[in-house]
Amino acid sequence: MRQGFSLVELSIVLVILGLLTGGILTGQSLIRAAELKSVSTQLSKIQTAAYSFRDKYFALPGDMPNATRFWGAVGGGGTGAACFGVASNGTLTCDGTGDGIIRWPAGSTGNWNMGERYHAWVQLSNAGLIEGSYTGVSDDPTNANTNVPGKNVLAGKISNTFFTLVYQDIGSTSYFAHKAGNVVIFSINGANPLTPEEAWNIDTKLDDGRPASGTVISNSSTGSVCTTTLVMATALYNLQNTTQVCSLSMYAL
């Protein structure tokens, strides 16, 4: 004769399932908290590395006008399309313009017009200020802005995320910009890596917890729901939105 489970046995099974589910959710929460802490840590380390580079070489990484004298030239005499359009090998790099802007050389076009931005990582690595080896070029010769974490940009600890060092004009339409300057951006290809609460958490740890002021600022594209408004003076993180709609930018130099 077959017998079913007793109520006590079923209760025990349900309790065990509840404990397992709770443990999984708690574990996921702890993992995410560690990932968010890593973003704060990396942002601070990149800022420190950029300052250390400037103090040592009297120039900004990527924008350094005599970089090839230290580490050798990729090609083309160390400047222009012949240099910035070729992938780096080892420590080889290109000379920047020395204008204090990490962006692209004047008159640049095609796959090298983000040359200074990509060579910033090459030169920071050459200086021993960050880990890794970087190509110094976009990963797609037909697209000047193709990022591959760990290959041409510094990888974040969160899967598929990365950091970029680039000049941001005060007229930026992608991020709040109350002043022009070189910034480090934490983002992910084709999407945003953070919820508004997560962005607020990082902003509060490093800055003032507001998306449009201080040193840490959020994305501000039209239609963004990361913030309550696109008006800089009154913008707050939209904490009721639990989807990943935010990326962050931090003034670095």
Protein backbone atom coordinates (compact mmCIF):
# COMPACT_ATOMS: atom_id res chain seq x y z
CA MET A 1 0.00 0.00 0.00
CA ARG A 2 1.44 3.40 -1.04
CA GLN A 3 1.49 6.16 1.49
CA GLY A 4 1.72 9.91 0.86
CA PHE A 5 3.81 12.44 2.70
CA SER A 6 2.58 13.56 6.08
CA LEU A 7 1.88 17.22 6.81
CA VAL A 8 4.98 17.33 8.99
CA GLU A 9 7.15 15.99 6.19
CA LEU A 10 5.67 18.46 3.71
CA SER A 11 6.23 21.28 6.16
CA ILE A 12 9.86 20.30 6.58
CA VAL A 13 10.34 20.24 2.78
CA LEU A 14 8.73 23.70 2.45
CA VAL A 15 10.94 25.09 5.20
CA ILE A 16 14.05 23.69 3.50
CA LEU A 17 12.98 25.16 0.15
CA GLY A 18 12.36 28.50 1.83
CA LEU A 19 15.79 28.47 3.43
CA LEU A 20 17.43 27.56 0.12
CA THR A 21 15.57 30.33 -1.72
CA GLY A 22 16.43 32.85 0.98
CA GLY A 23 20.05 31.79 0.90
CA ILE A 24 20.23 32.18 -2.86
CA LEU A 25 18.65 35.64 -2.77
CA THR A 26 20.93 36.72 0.09
CA GLY A 27 23.94 35.42 -1.81
CA GLN A 28 22.93 37.32 -4.93
CA SER A 29 22.48 40.48 -2.88
CA LEU A 30 25.94 40.11 -1.34
CA ILE A 31 27.52 39.50 -4.74
CA ARG A 32 25.87 42.61 -6.16
CA ALA A 33 26.97 44.68 -3.16
CA ALA A 34 30.56 43.54 -3.76
CA GLU A 35 30.27 44.44 -7.45
CA LEU A 36 29.04 47.95 -6.62
CA LYS A 37 31.89 48.40 -4.15
CA SER A 38 34.31 47.41 -6.90
CA VAL A 39 32.94 50.19 -9.14
CA SER A 40 33.62 52.80 -6.45
CA THR A 41 37.09 51.37 -5.87
CA GLN A 42 37.99 51.31 -9.55
CA LEU A 43 36.73 54.85 -10.18
CA SER A 44 38.90 56.13 -7.32
CA LYS A 45 41.93 54.12 -8.48
CA ILE A 46 41.64 55.40 -12.05
CA GLN A 47 41.41 58.98 -10.81
CA THR A 48 44.49 58.44 -8.63
CA ALA A 49 46.36 56.80 -11.51
CA ALA A 50 45.58 59.71 -13.83
CA TYR A 51 46.85 62.24 -11.27
CA SER A 52 49.98 60.16 -10.64
CA PHE A 53 50.65 59.99 -14.39
CA ARG A 54 50.30 63.75 -14.74
CA ASP A 55 52.63 64.37 -11.79
CA LYS A 56 55.28 62.03 -13.21
CA TYR A 57 55.15 62.92 -16.92
CA PHE A 58 53.72 66.48 -16.82
CA ALA A 59 51.03 65.44 -19.30
CA LEU A 60 47.77 63.52 -19.39
CA PRO A 61 47.62 59.84 -20.40
CA GLY A 62 46.80 59.58 -24.09
CA ASP A 63 47.37 63.30 -24.60
CA MET A 64 51.10 63.07 -23.78
CA PRO A 65 53.05 64.80 -26.60
CA ASN A 66 56.33 62.94 -26.05
CA ALA A 67 55.04 59.49 -25.15
CA THR A 68 56.93 57.73 -27.96
CA ARG A 69 60.25 58.95 -26.55
CA PHE A 70 59.54 56.84 -23.49
CA TRP A 71 57.86 53.78 -25.00
CA GLY A 72 58.41 53.77 -28.76
CA ALA A 73 56.05 54.51 -31.65
CA VAL A 74 53.44 52.22 -33.19
CA GLY A 75 54.19 53.72 -36.60
CA GLY A 76 54.05 56.78 -38.83
CA GLY A 77 56.56 58.74 -36.79
CA GLY A 78 54.42 58.35 -33.71
CA THR A 79 51.55 60.62 -34.65
CA GLY A 80 48.64 61.00 -37.05
CA ALA A 81 46.51 58.34 -38.71
CA ALA A 82 49.51 56.13 -39.47
CA CYS A 83 50.08 55.77 -35.74
CA PHE A 84 46.68 56.08 -34.09
CA GLY A 85 45.08 53.72 -36.59
CA VAL A 86 47.44 50.82 -35.87
CA ALA A 87 47.12 48.44 -32.93
CA SER A 88 49.81 48.73 -30.29
CA ASN A 89 52.27 45.92 -29.65
CA GLY A 90 53.67 45.77 -26.15
CA THR A 91 54.49 49.27 -24.93
CA LEU A 92 54.39 50.99 -28.33
CA THR A 93 52.17 54.07 -28.38
CA CYS A 94 51.44 57.38 -30.12
CA ASP A 95 52.12 61.00 -29.22
CA GLY A 96 49.09 63.04 -28.20
CA THR A 97 48.59 66.71 -28.90
CA GLY A 98 49.42 67.95 -25.39
CA ASP A 99 46.41 70.26 -25.33
CA GLY A 100 45.08 68.95 -22.01
CA ILE A 101 42.16 67.16 -23.67
CA ILE A 102 41.93 63.35 -23.85
CA ARG A 103 39.93 62.95 -27.00
CA TRP A 104 41.32 62.84 -30.52
CA PRO A 105 43.98 64.66 -32.53
CA ALA A 106 42.88 67.70 -34.50
CA GLY A 107 41.62 66.78 -37.97
CA SER A 108 41.39 63.09 -37.14
CA THR A 109 38.89 60.90 -38.92
CA GLY A 110 37.98 57.24 -39.28
CA ASN A 111 39.15 54.53 -36.94
CA TRP A 112 41.78 56.67 -35.22
CA ASN A 113 39.71 59.68 -34.13
CA MET A 114 39.45 58.24 -30.63
CA GLY A 115 43.20 57.67 -30.56
CA GLU A 116 44.05 59.60 -27.41
CA ARG A 117 41.18 58.02 -25.51
CA TYR A 118 42.36 54.49 -26.28
CA HIS A 119 46.07 55.25 -25.84
CA ALA A 120 45.32 56.63 -22.37
CA TRP A 121 45.09 52.99 -21.21
CA VAL A 122 48.22 51.99 -23.13
CA GLN A 123 50.21 54.74 -21.42
CA LEU A 124 48.76 54.20 -17.94
CA SER A 125 49.72 50.54 -18.32
CA ASN A 126 53.20 51.46 -19.57
CA ALA A 127 53.63 53.66 -16.49
CA GLY A 128 52.71 50.72 -14.25
CA LEU A 129 49.65 52.53 -12.90
CA ILE A 130 47.03 50.02 -14.10
CA GLU A 131 47.10 46.34 -14.94
CA GLY A 132 46.70 44.87 -18.41
CA SER A 133 47.88 45.39 -21.97
CA TYR A 134 45.85 47.46 -24.44
CA THR A 135 45.69 47.85 -28.22
CA GLY A 136 45.17 51.62 -28.37
CA VAL A 137 42.59 51.38 -31.17
CA SER A 138 38.90 50.76 -31.72
CA ASP A 139 38.22 47.06 -32.16
CA ASP A 140 36.35 47.74 -35.42
CA PRO A 141 38.23 49.61 -38.18
CA THR A 142 34.90 50.85 -39.57
CA ASN A 143 33.69 52.19 -36.22
CA ALA A 144 35.86 54.58 -34.21
CA ASN A 145 34.12 53.75 -30.95
CA THR A 146 34.06 49.96 -30.51
CA ASN A 147 35.04 49.08 -26.95
CA VAL A 148 36.16 45.63 -25.79
CA PRO A 149 36.74 45.39 -22.03
CA GLY A 150 40.27 44.28 -21.21
CA LYS A 151 41.43 44.73 -24.82
CA ASN A 152 41.25 48.43 -25.63
CA VAL A 153 39.55 49.77 -22.49
CA LEU A 154 39.88 48.93 -18.81
CA ALA A 155 37.43 46.20 -17.81
CA GLY A 156 35.06 46.60 -14.87
CA LYS A 157 34.49 43.86 -12.29
CA ILE A 158 30.85 43.59 -13.36
CA SER A 159 30.50 41.41 -16.46
CA ASN A 160 30.91 43.27 -19.80
CA THR A 161 31.36 46.67 -18.14
CA PHE A 162 34.31 48.96 -18.82
CA PHE A 163 35.80 52.38 -18.16
CA THR A 164 36.77 55.11 -20.60
CA LEU A 165 38.89 58.23 -20.09
CA VAL A 166 37.75 61.05 -22.34
CA TYR A 167 37.19 64.79 -22.45
CA GLN A 168 33.61 65.84 -21.82
CA ASP A 169 32.45 69.21 -23.06
CA ILE A 170 30.02 71.28 -21.03
CA GLY A 171 27.57 70.92 -23.89
CA SER A 172 27.43 67.14 -23.51
CA THR A 173 24.04 65.59 -24.25
CA SER A 174 24.90 62.19 -22.79
CA TYR A 175 25.90 63.11 -19.22
CA PHE A 176 25.18 66.01 -16.94
CA ALA A 177 28.16 68.36 -17.30
CA HIS A 178 28.33 71.43 -15.07
CA LYS A 179 31.90 72.01 -16.24
CA ALA A 180 34.11 70.78 -19.06
CA GLY A 181 36.85 68.32 -18.17
CA ASN A 182 38.44 64.93 -18.59
CA VAL A 183 36.24 62.27 -17.04
CA VAL A 184 36.27 58.53 -16.41
CA ILE A 185 33.01 56.89 -17.52
CA PHE A 186 31.65 53.58 -16.23
CA SER A 187 29.37 51.98 -18.78
CA ILE A 188 28.47 48.88 -20.79
CA ASN A 189 28.10 48.43 -24.54
CA GLY A 190 24.60 49.14 -25.78
CA ALA A 191 22.98 49.54 -22.36
CA ASN A 192 23.37 50.92 -18.84
CA PRO A 193 24.86 48.86 -15.99
CA LEU A 194 23.19 50.37 -12.91
CA THR A 195 19.78 50.95 -11.39
CA PRO A 196 19.12 54.49 -10.06
CA GLU A 197 19.51 53.21 -6.48
CA GLU A 198 22.86 51.61 -7.33
CA ALA A 199 24.04 54.79 -9.04
CA TRP A 200 22.91 56.82 -6.02
CA ASN A 201 24.77 54.42 -3.74
CA ILE A 202 28.06 54.88 -5.61
CA ASP A 203 27.52 58.64 -5.97
CA THR A 204 26.86 58.97 -2.24
CA LYS A 205 30.01 57.04 -1.33
CA LEU A 206 32.25 59.05 -3.63
CA ASP A 207 30.48 62.41 -3.84
CA ASP A 208 27.22 64.17 -2.94
CA GLY A 209 24.56 61.65 -4.01
CA ARG A 210 23.14 64.01 -6.64
CA PRO A 211 23.26 63.14 -10.36
CA ALA A 212 24.06 66.58 -11.75
CA SER A 213 26.54 68.13 -9.31
CA GLY A 214 29.90 67.43 -7.74
CA THR A 215 32.49 65.08 -9.22
CA VAL A 216 30.24 62.06 -9.92
CA ILE A 217 27.45 62.65 -12.44
CA SER A 218 24.96 60.40 -14.22
CA ASN A 219 23.77 59.99 -17.78
CA SER A 220 21.28 62.63 -18.89
CA SER A 221 20.16 61.66 -22.38
CA THR A 222 16.68 62.74 -23.43
CA GLY A 223 14.20 60.15 -22.28
CA SER A 224 16.49 58.84 -19.56
CA VAL A 225 14.63 57.63 -16.50
CA CYS A 226 17.73 57.43 -14.35
CA THR A 227 16.88 60.82 -12.88
CA THR A 228 13.67 62.58 -11.89
CA THR A 229 14.31 65.43 -14.32
CA LEU A 230 16.93 66.63 -16.79
CA VAL A 231 17.06 70.04 -15.09
CA MET A 232 20.50 70.07 -13.47
CA ALA A 233 19.57 72.21 -10.48
CA THR A 234 16.76 69.93 -9.31
CA ALA A 235 17.67 66.48 -10.69
CA LEU A 236 17.63 63.54 -8.27
CA TYR A 237 18.10 59.84 -8.83
CA ASN A 238 14.78 58.22 -9.72
CA LEU A 239 14.89 55.68 -6.88
CA GLN A 240 11.46 54.21 -7.67
CA ASN A 241 12.79 52.83 -10.95
CA THR A 242 14.35 49.41 -10.34
CA THR A 243 15.64 48.79 -13.88
CA GLN A 244 19.20 49.30 -15.10
CA VAL A 245 19.00 52.71 -16.74
CA CYS A 246 22.03 54.52 -15.27
CA SER A 247 25.70 54.92 -16.06
CA LEU A 248 28.14 57.20 -14.26
CA SER A 249 30.82 59.70 -15.15
CA MET A 250 33.46 61.00 -12.71
CA TYR A 251 35.62 64.07 -13.22
CA ALA A 252 39.18 62.72 -13.19
CA LEU A 253 41.46 65.58 -14.28
